Amino acid sequence: MKVKFEDIQILVEGWADKKGILEHGKPIKQLLKTLEEITELHTAIEDDNLEEIIDAIGDVVVTLIIYAKMKSITLFPNGSEELSDSKGTAQDPYFLLDNCNKLMQLEKFTNDSIEKYYTVQMILFLLNQIANRFDLKVWECFHSAYKVISGRTGKVVNGTFVKD
């Protein structure tokens, strides 16, 4: 049975809540974590390491889901099929870095939630295209990442979750 993106999203949000990330975390720190995961994705692509690509795509989605929850951004008002319906393949993860940097600037300097919403959507769209390039599904990478973090312990320190 296929697990739905929304089901995993609910699990990740619950995990983040239980770990205190939603209450004590800082959105800008969450975006720094997103940037770190995008960098890991870039390295995995350069190394042609499929296992690490799957891991990094999933981790980027996890960090974005938590950021979106912190900011009360509804990711898929019409369902996550919007994401899986996007076609094409991105050849370069640099666009992810650009959009993550843009989101960090928006977070730091504006309260424009609409622009933040569209930037998060663009990052997810680009992740989907990168996943397509490797014959992967974003939701599968996301599910894989959740299975890893679900047993993780740690605490929030200075606005960011630090694993044990």
N, C-alpha and C. Protein backbone atom coordinates (compact mmCIF):
# COMPACT_ATOMS: atom_id res chain seq x y z
N MET A 1 0.83 -1.18 0.00
CA MET A 1 0.00 0.00 0.00
C MET A 1 0.88 1.26 0.00
N LYS A 2 0.56 2.17 -0.90
CA LYS A 2 1.32 3.41 -1.00
C LYS A 2 0.96 4.34 0.16
N VAL A 3 1.97 4.84 0.81
CA VAL A 3 1.78 5.82 1.88
C VAL A 3 1.64 7.18 1.22
N LYS A 4 0.67 7.96 1.65
CA LYS A 4 0.44 9.28 1.06
C LYS A 4 1.38 10.31 1.68
N PHE A 5 1.77 11.26 0.86
CA PHE A 5 2.64 12.35 1.29
C PHE A 5 2.07 13.02 2.54
N GLU A 6 0.77 13.31 2.51
CA GLU A 6 0.12 14.00 3.62
C GLU A 6 0.21 13.19 4.91
N ASP A 7 0.14 11.85 4.82
CA ASP A 7 0.25 11.01 6.01
C ASP A 7 1.64 11.13 6.63
N ILE A 8 2.66 11.14 5.79
CA ILE A 8 4.03 11.29 6.29
C ILE A 8 4.21 12.70 6.87
N GLN A 9 3.63 13.68 6.19
CA GLN A 9 3.72 15.06 6.67
C GLN A 9 3.16 15.17 8.10
N ILE A 10 2.02 14.56 8.35
CA ILE A 10 1.42 14.58 9.68
C ILE A 10 2.34 13.92 10.70
N LEU A 11 2.96 12.81 10.31
CA LEU A 11 3.89 12.12 11.22
C LEU A 11 5.10 12.99 11.54
N VAL A 12 5.65 13.64 10.52
CA VAL A 12 6.83 14.51 10.72
C VAL A 12 6.47 15.69 11.61
N GLU A 13 5.31 16.30 11.35
CA GLU A 13 4.89 17.43 12.18
C GLU A 13 4.70 16.99 13.64
N GLY A 14 4.13 15.80 13.84
CA GLY A 14 3.97 15.27 15.19
C GLY A 14 5.30 15.01 15.86
N TRP A 15 6.25 14.46 15.09
CA TRP A 15 7.60 14.21 15.62
C TRP A 15 8.24 15.53 16.04
N ALA A 16 8.14 16.55 15.16
CA ALA A 16 8.74 17.86 15.46
C ALA A 16 8.10 18.49 16.69
N ASP A 17 6.81 18.30 16.84
CA ASP A 17 6.11 18.83 18.01
C ASP A 17 6.58 18.12 19.28
N LYS A 18 6.66 16.79 19.22
CA LYS A 18 7.11 16.00 20.37
C LYS A 18 8.53 16.36 20.80
N LYS A 19 9.37 16.66 19.83
CA LYS A 19 10.77 16.98 20.13
C LYS A 19 10.96 18.44 20.57
N GLY A 20 9.89 19.22 20.54
CA GLY A 20 9.97 20.62 20.97
C GLY A 20 10.45 21.57 19.88
N ILE A 21 10.60 21.07 18.67
CA ILE A 21 11.11 21.91 17.58
C ILE A 21 10.11 23.00 17.23
N LEU A 22 8.82 22.66 17.20
CA LEU A 22 7.82 23.65 16.82
C LEU A 22 7.69 24.75 17.87
N GLU A 23 7.85 24.39 19.13
CA GLU A 23 7.71 25.36 20.22
C GLU A 23 8.98 26.17 20.45
N HIS A 24 10.13 25.51 20.40
CA HIS A 24 11.38 26.17 20.78
C HIS A 24 12.33 26.43 19.61
N GLY A 25 12.04 25.86 18.46
CA GLY A 25 12.89 26.05 17.30
C GLY A 25 12.70 27.43 16.69
N LYS A 26 13.66 27.84 15.90
CA LYS A 26 13.58 29.13 15.21
C LYS A 26 13.51 28.86 13.71
N PRO A 27 12.56 29.52 13.01
CA PRO A 27 12.42 29.29 11.57
C PRO A 27 13.72 29.50 10.79
N ILE A 28 14.48 30.53 11.12
CA ILE A 28 15.73 30.78 10.37
C ILE A 28 16.72 29.64 10.59
N LYS A 29 16.74 29.06 11.78
CA LYS A 29 17.62 27.91 12.05
C LYS A 29 17.15 26.69 11.25
N GLN A 30 15.84 26.56 11.10
CA GLN A 30 15.30 25.46 10.31
C GLN A 30 15.73 25.60 8.85
N LEU A 31 15.74 26.83 8.36
CA LEU A 31 16.18 27.07 6.99
C LEU A 31 17.68 26.83 6.83
N LEU A 32 18.45 27.12 7.85
CA LEU A 32 19.88 26.79 7.80
C LEU A 32 20.07 25.28 7.69
N LYS A 33 19.21 24.53 8.38
CA LYS A 33 19.25 23.06 8.27
C LYS A 33 18.85 22.63 6.86
N THR A 34 17.86 23.31 6.29
CA THR A 34 17.46 23.02 4.91
C THR A 34 18.63 23.25 3.96
N LEU A 35 19.32 24.36 4.14
CA LEU A 35 20.48 24.69 3.32
C LEU A 35 21.56 23.62 3.45
N GLU A 36 21.79 23.16 4.66
CA GLU A 36 22.77 22.09 4.90
C GLU A 36 22.37 20.81 4.14
N GLU A 37 21.09 20.47 4.18
CA GLU A 37 20.62 19.26 3.50
C GLU A 37 20.70 19.41 1.98
N ILE A 38 20.43 20.62 1.47
CA ILE A 38 20.56 20.86 0.03
C ILE A 38 22.02 20.70 -0.39
N THR A 39 22.94 21.17 0.44
CA THR A 39 24.37 21.00 0.15
C THR A 39 24.73 19.52 0.11
N GLU A 40 24.18 18.73 1.04
CA GLU A 40 24.42 17.28 1.03
C GLU A 40 23.85 16.64 -0.24
N LEU A 41 22.70 17.13 -0.69
CA LEU A 41 22.12 16.63 -1.94
C LEU A 41 23.05 16.93 -3.11
N HIS A 42 23.56 18.15 -3.14
CA HIS A 42 24.48 18.53 -4.21
C HIS A 42 25.70 17.61 -4.24
N THR A 43 26.27 17.34 -3.07
CA THR A 43 27.43 16.45 -2.97
C THR A 43 27.07 15.04 -3.43
N ALA A 44 25.91 14.55 -3.02
CA ALA A 44 25.48 13.20 -3.41
C ALA A 44 25.30 13.10 -4.92
N ILE A 45 24.77 14.16 -5.54
CA ILE A 45 24.61 14.16 -7.00
C ILE A 45 25.97 14.17 -7.67
N GLU A 46 26.87 15.01 -7.19
CA GLU A 46 28.23 15.06 -7.75
C GLU A 46 28.94 13.72 -7.63
N ASP A 47 28.69 13.01 -6.52
CA ASP A 47 29.32 11.70 -6.29
C ASP A 47 28.53 10.55 -6.94
N ASP A 48 27.38 10.88 -7.54
CA ASP A 48 26.51 9.88 -8.15
C ASP A 48 26.16 8.76 -7.16
N ASN A 49 25.83 9.16 -5.93
CA ASN A 49 25.53 8.22 -4.85
C ASN A 49 24.02 8.20 -4.62
N LEU A 50 23.34 7.24 -5.24
CA LEU A 50 21.88 7.18 -5.21
C LEU A 50 21.32 7.08 -3.79
N GLU A 51 21.95 6.28 -2.95
CA GLU A 51 21.47 6.14 -1.57
C GLU A 51 21.50 7.48 -0.84
N GLU A 52 22.57 8.23 -1.02
CA GLU A 52 22.68 9.55 -0.39
C GLU A 52 21.74 10.56 -1.03
N ILE A 53 21.46 10.42 -2.32
CA ILE A 53 20.50 11.30 -3.00
C ILE A 53 19.12 11.10 -2.39
N ILE A 54 18.72 9.85 -2.22
CA ILE A 54 17.43 9.53 -1.60
C ILE A 54 17.36 10.14 -0.20
N ASP A 55 18.41 9.93 0.58
CA ASP A 55 18.47 10.45 1.94
C ASP A 55 18.38 11.97 1.96
N ALA A 56 19.14 12.62 1.11
CA ALA A 56 19.18 14.09 1.11
C ALA A 56 17.86 14.69 0.64
N ILE A 57 17.25 14.13 -0.40
CA ILE A 57 15.95 14.64 -0.85
C ILE A 57 14.95 14.54 0.30
N GLY A 58 14.91 13.38 0.94
CA GLY A 58 13.99 13.20 2.07
C GLY A 58 14.26 14.18 3.20
N ASP A 59 15.53 14.40 3.50
CA ASP A 59 15.88 15.31 4.59
C ASP A 59 15.52 16.76 4.26
N VAL A 60 15.69 17.16 3.00
CA VAL A 60 15.28 18.52 2.61
C VAL A 60 13.78 18.68 2.82
N VAL A 61 13.01 17.67 2.39
CA VAL A 61 11.56 17.75 2.56
C VAL A 61 11.19 17.83 4.04
N VAL A 62 11.83 17.01 4.87
CA VAL A 62 11.55 17.05 6.32
C VAL A 62 11.78 18.46 6.87
N THR A 63 12.90 19.07 6.53
CA THR A 63 13.21 20.39 7.07
C THR A 63 12.21 21.44 6.57
N LEU A 64 11.78 21.31 5.32
CA LEU A 64 10.79 22.25 4.78
C LEU A 64 9.42 22.07 5.41
N ILE A 65 9.05 20.82 5.66
CA ILE A 65 7.76 20.54 6.30
C ILE A 65 7.73 21.19 7.69
N ILE A 66 8.82 21.05 8.42
CA ILE A 66 8.88 21.63 9.77
C ILE A 66 8.86 23.16 9.68
N TYR A 67 9.60 23.73 8.74
CA TYR A 67 9.58 25.19 8.55
C TYR A 67 8.16 25.65 8.23
N ALA A 68 7.51 24.97 7.29
CA ALA A 68 6.16 25.36 6.89
C ALA A 68 5.20 25.29 8.08
N LYS A 69 5.33 24.27 8.89
CA LYS A 69 4.47 24.16 10.08
C LYS A 69 4.74 25.31 11.05
N MET A 70 6.01 25.66 11.23
CA MET A 70 6.35 26.77 12.11
C MET A 70 5.71 28.08 11.64
N LYS A 71 5.62 28.24 10.33
CA LYS A 71 5.12 29.49 9.74
C LYS A 71 3.64 29.40 9.34
N SER A 72 2.99 28.30 9.68
CA SER A 72 1.57 28.08 9.33
C SER A 72 1.34 28.17 7.83
N ILE A 73 2.28 27.63 7.06
CA ILE A 73 2.15 27.59 5.61
C ILE A 73 1.51 26.26 5.23
N THR A 74 0.39 26.32 4.51
CA THR A 74 -0.25 25.11 4.00
C THR A 74 0.43 24.77 2.68
N LEU A 75 1.12 23.65 2.64
CA LEU A 75 1.92 23.32 1.46
C LEU A 75 1.10 22.95 0.24
N PHE A 76 0.11 22.11 0.42
CA PHE A 76 -0.65 21.61 -0.72
C PHE A 76 -2.14 21.78 -0.47
N PRO A 77 -2.66 22.99 -0.71
CA PRO A 77 -4.08 23.21 -0.46
C PRO A 77 -4.98 22.30 -1.30
N ASN A 78 -4.48 21.84 -2.43
CA ASN A 78 -5.26 20.96 -3.31
C ASN A 78 -4.77 19.52 -3.29
N GLY A 79 -3.94 19.16 -2.32
CA GLY A 79 -3.40 17.80 -2.24
C GLY A 79 -2.02 17.72 -2.86
N SER A 80 -1.24 16.76 -2.40
CA SER A 80 0.15 16.64 -2.84
C SER A 80 0.27 16.11 -4.26
N GLU A 81 -0.85 15.76 -4.89
CA GLU A 81 -0.79 15.31 -6.29
C GLU A 81 -0.20 16.41 -7.17
N GLU A 82 -0.35 17.67 -6.73
CA GLU A 82 0.25 18.78 -7.46
C GLU A 82 1.75 18.54 -7.65
N LEU A 83 2.38 18.03 -6.61
CA LEU A 83 3.82 17.78 -6.65
C LEU A 83 4.15 16.64 -7.59
N SER A 84 3.44 15.54 -7.46
CA SER A 84 3.76 14.37 -8.28
C SER A 84 3.36 14.56 -9.73
N ASP A 85 2.48 15.53 -10.00
CA ASP A 85 2.07 15.79 -11.38
C ASP A 85 3.10 16.60 -12.15
N SER A 86 4.05 17.22 -11.45
CA SER A 86 5.04 18.03 -12.15
C SER A 86 6.01 17.12 -12.89
N LYS A 87 6.25 17.46 -14.12
CA LYS A 87 7.12 16.66 -14.98
C LYS A 87 8.43 17.39 -15.21
N GLY A 88 9.34 16.72 -15.86
CA GLY A 88 10.62 17.33 -16.18
C GLY A 88 11.69 16.91 -15.18
N THR A 89 12.91 17.21 -15.55
CA THR A 89 14.02 16.86 -14.68
C THR A 89 14.96 18.06 -14.55
N ALA A 90 15.29 18.40 -13.33
CA ALA A 90 16.25 19.48 -13.08
C ALA A 90 17.64 18.87 -13.20
N GLN A 91 18.49 19.54 -13.89
CA GLN A 91 19.84 19.04 -14.08
C GLN A 91 20.80 19.57 -13.02
N ASP A 92 20.37 20.56 -12.28
CA ASP A 92 21.31 21.27 -11.43
C ASP A 92 20.68 21.65 -10.09
N PRO A 93 21.26 21.24 -8.98
CA PRO A 93 20.71 21.60 -7.67
C PRO A 93 20.98 23.05 -7.25
N TYR A 94 21.71 23.82 -8.07
CA TYR A 94 22.00 25.20 -7.70
C TYR A 94 20.72 26.02 -7.55
N PHE A 95 19.69 25.69 -8.32
CA PHE A 95 18.42 26.40 -8.19
C PHE A 95 17.82 26.20 -6.81
N LEU A 96 18.05 25.02 -6.22
CA LEU A 96 17.60 24.78 -4.85
C LEU A 96 18.31 25.73 -3.89
N LEU A 97 19.61 25.87 -4.06
CA LEU A 97 20.39 26.77 -3.20
C LEU A 97 19.89 28.21 -3.34
N ASP A 98 19.64 28.64 -4.58
CA ASP A 98 19.14 29.99 -4.82
C ASP A 98 17.82 30.23 -4.10
N ASN A 99 16.90 29.26 -4.23
CA ASN A 99 15.59 29.43 -3.62
C ASN A 99 15.65 29.33 -2.10
N CYS A 100 16.52 28.50 -1.58
CA CYS A 100 16.68 28.43 -0.12
C CYS A 100 17.25 29.74 0.41
N ASN A 101 18.23 30.30 -0.28
CA ASN A 101 18.78 31.61 0.12
C ASN A 101 17.71 32.69 0.06
N LYS A 102 16.87 32.64 -0.99
CA LYS A 102 15.78 33.60 -1.11
C LYS A 102 14.83 33.47 0.08
N LEU A 103 14.49 32.23 0.43
CA LEU A 103 13.58 31.99 1.55
C LEU A 103 14.19 32.50 2.86
N MET A 104 15.48 32.33 3.03
CA MET A 104 16.16 32.83 4.23
C MET A 104 16.09 34.36 4.28
N GLN A 105 16.26 35.01 3.15
CA GLN A 105 16.17 36.48 3.11
C GLN A 105 14.74 36.93 3.41
N LEU A 106 13.76 36.23 2.84
CA LEU A 106 12.37 36.56 3.14
C LEU A 106 12.07 36.40 4.62
N GLU A 107 12.58 35.33 5.20
CA GLU A 107 12.35 35.07 6.63
C GLU A 107 12.97 36.17 7.49
N LYS A 108 14.14 36.60 7.10
CA LYS A 108 14.86 37.58 7.91
C LYS A 108 14.31 39.00 7.75
N PHE A 109 13.85 39.34 6.53
CA PHE A 109 13.54 40.74 6.25
C PHE A 109 12.08 41.07 5.96
N THR A 110 11.21 40.07 5.81
CA THR A 110 9.81 40.38 5.51
C THR A 110 8.86 39.46 6.26
N ASN A 111 7.61 39.84 6.25
CA ASN A 111 6.54 38.99 6.77
C ASN A 111 5.65 38.51 5.63
N ASP A 112 6.15 38.54 4.42
CA ASP A 112 5.37 38.18 3.24
C ASP A 112 5.16 36.67 3.16
N SER A 113 4.08 36.20 3.77
CA SER A 113 3.84 34.76 3.82
C SER A 113 3.51 34.18 2.44
N ILE A 114 2.94 34.97 1.56
CA ILE A 114 2.63 34.47 0.21
C ILE A 114 3.91 34.18 -0.55
N GLU A 115 4.86 35.09 -0.48
CA GLU A 115 6.14 34.88 -1.17
C GLU A 115 6.89 33.69 -0.57
N LYS A 116 6.81 33.54 0.75
CA LYS A 116 7.44 32.38 1.40
C LYS A 116 6.78 31.09 0.92
N TYR A 117 5.46 31.09 0.85
CA TYR A 117 4.72 29.92 0.36
C TYR A 117 5.20 29.52 -1.04
N TYR A 118 5.26 30.49 -1.94
CA TYR A 118 5.67 30.19 -3.32
C TYR A 118 7.13 29.74 -3.40
N THR A 119 7.97 30.26 -2.55
CA THR A 119 9.37 29.84 -2.57
C THR A 119 9.52 28.41 -2.05
N VAL A 120 8.78 28.07 -0.99
CA VAL A 120 8.79 26.68 -0.50
C VAL A 120 8.26 25.76 -1.60
N GLN A 121 7.19 26.17 -2.28
CA GLN A 121 6.62 25.36 -3.37
C GLN A 121 7.66 25.16 -4.48
N MET A 122 8.40 26.21 -4.79
CA MET A 122 9.42 26.11 -5.85
C MET A 122 10.51 25.12 -5.44
N ILE A 123 10.93 25.15 -4.20
CA ILE A 123 11.94 24.20 -3.73
C ILE A 123 11.42 22.77 -3.86
N LEU A 124 10.17 22.55 -3.45
CA LEU A 124 9.58 21.21 -3.57
C LEU A 124 9.45 20.79 -5.03
N PHE A 125 9.08 21.72 -5.90
CA PHE A 125 8.98 21.44 -7.33
C PHE A 125 10.35 21.04 -7.89
N LEU A 126 11.39 21.79 -7.53
CA LEU A 126 12.74 21.47 -8.00
C LEU A 126 13.23 20.14 -7.45
N LEU A 127 12.91 19.86 -6.19
CA LEU A 127 13.26 18.55 -5.61
C LEU A 127 12.60 17.42 -6.40
N ASN A 128 11.34 17.64 -6.77
CA ASN A 128 10.63 16.64 -7.56
C ASN A 128 11.32 16.42 -8.90
N GLN A 129 11.75 17.48 -9.52
CA GLN A 129 12.45 17.34 -10.81
C GLN A 129 13.78 16.61 -10.64
N ILE A 130 14.49 16.89 -9.57
CA ILE A 130 15.74 16.17 -9.32
C ILE A 130 15.44 14.70 -9.06
N ALA A 131 14.39 14.43 -8.28
CA ALA A 131 13.99 13.03 -8.04
C ALA A 131 13.66 12.34 -9.36
N ASN A 132 12.92 13.02 -10.24
CA ASN A 132 12.58 12.46 -11.55
C ASN A 132 13.84 12.09 -12.33
N ARG A 133 14.84 12.92 -12.24
CA ARG A 133 16.10 12.68 -12.95
C ARG A 133 16.70 11.32 -12.57
N PHE A 134 16.47 10.90 -11.32
CA PHE A 134 17.03 9.64 -10.84
C PHE A 134 15.97 8.54 -10.70
N ASP A 135 14.83 8.75 -11.39
CA ASP A 135 13.71 7.80 -11.34
C ASP A 135 13.24 7.54 -9.92
N LEU A 136 13.20 8.59 -9.13
CA LEU A 136 12.74 8.50 -7.73
C LEU A 136 11.44 9.27 -7.58
N LYS A 137 10.75 9.01 -6.49
CA LYS A 137 9.55 9.75 -6.11
C LYS A 137 9.86 10.50 -4.82
N VAL A 138 9.51 11.78 -4.78
CA VAL A 138 9.78 12.59 -3.60
C VAL A 138 9.16 11.97 -2.35
N TRP A 139 7.93 11.50 -2.47
CA TRP A 139 7.26 10.95 -1.28
C TRP A 139 7.98 9.73 -0.74
N GLU A 140 8.59 8.94 -1.63
CA GLU A 140 9.36 7.77 -1.17
C GLU A 140 10.61 8.20 -0.41
N CYS A 141 11.28 9.23 -0.91
CA CYS A 141 12.46 9.76 -0.22
C CYS A 141 12.05 10.34 1.13
N PHE A 142 10.93 11.04 1.15
CA PHE A 142 10.39 11.64 2.37
C PHE A 142 10.05 10.56 3.39
N HIS A 143 9.41 9.49 2.94
CA HIS A 143 9.04 8.38 3.82
C HIS A 143 10.30 7.73 4.39
N SER A 144 11.30 7.54 3.55
CA SER A 144 12.57 6.96 3.99
C SER A 144 13.21 7.83 5.08
N ALA A 145 13.19 9.14 4.87
CA ALA A 145 13.77 10.06 5.87
C ALA A 145 13.00 9.99 7.18
N TYR A 146 11.67 9.90 7.08
CA TYR A 146 10.88 9.82 8.32
C TYR A 146 11.22 8.56 9.10
N LYS A 147 11.40 7.45 8.39
CA LYS A 147 11.73 6.20 9.09
C LYS A 147 13.04 6.35 9.87
N VAL A 148 13.97 7.13 9.35
CA VAL A 148 15.24 7.36 10.03
C VAL A 148 15.05 8.26 11.25
N ILE A 149 14.33 9.38 11.07
CA ILE A 149 14.22 10.34 12.18
C ILE A 149 13.24 9.90 13.26
N SER A 150 12.31 9.02 12.93
CA SER A 150 11.25 8.66 13.89
C SER A 150 11.81 8.09 15.19
N GLY A 151 12.94 7.44 15.13
CA GLY A 151 13.55 6.90 16.34
C GLY A 151 14.63 7.77 16.93
N ARG A 152 14.83 8.92 16.34
CA ARG A 152 15.93 9.80 16.75
C ARG A 152 15.60 10.53 18.06
N THR A 153 16.62 10.66 18.89
CA THR A 153 16.47 11.42 20.12
C THR A 153 17.38 12.64 20.06
N GLY A 154 17.06 13.62 20.87
CA GLY A 154 17.85 14.84 20.91
C GLY A 154 17.06 15.94 21.59
N LYS A 155 17.55 17.17 21.45
CA LYS A 155 16.87 18.30 22.07
C LYS A 155 17.14 19.56 21.26
N VAL A 156 16.32 20.57 21.51
CA VAL A 156 16.48 21.85 20.84
C VAL A 156 17.49 22.68 21.64
N VAL A 157 18.53 23.14 20.94
CA VAL A 157 19.56 23.98 21.55
C VAL A 157 19.71 25.22 20.67
N ASN A 158 19.54 26.39 21.28
CA ASN A 158 19.67 27.66 20.54
C ASN A 158 18.80 27.69 19.28
N GLY A 159 17.60 27.14 19.37
CA GLY A 159 16.64 27.22 18.28
C GLY A 159 16.76 26.16 17.21
N THR A 160 17.65 25.18 17.40
CA THR A 160 17.78 24.11 16.40
C THR A 160 17.86 22.76 17.11
N PHE A 161 17.31 21.73 16.45
CA PHE A 161 17.32 20.39 17.02
C PHE A 161 18.71 19.78 16.87
N VAL A 162 19.24 19.29 17.97
CA VAL A 162 20.55 18.63 17.98
C VAL A 162 20.32 17.19 18.38
N LYS A 163 20.66 16.27 17.47
CA LYS A 163 20.44 14.86 17.77
C LYS A 163 21.50 14.34 18.73
N ASP A 164 21.09 13.34 19.52
CA ASP A 164 22.01 12.71 20.47
C ASP A 164 23.06 11.89 19.73
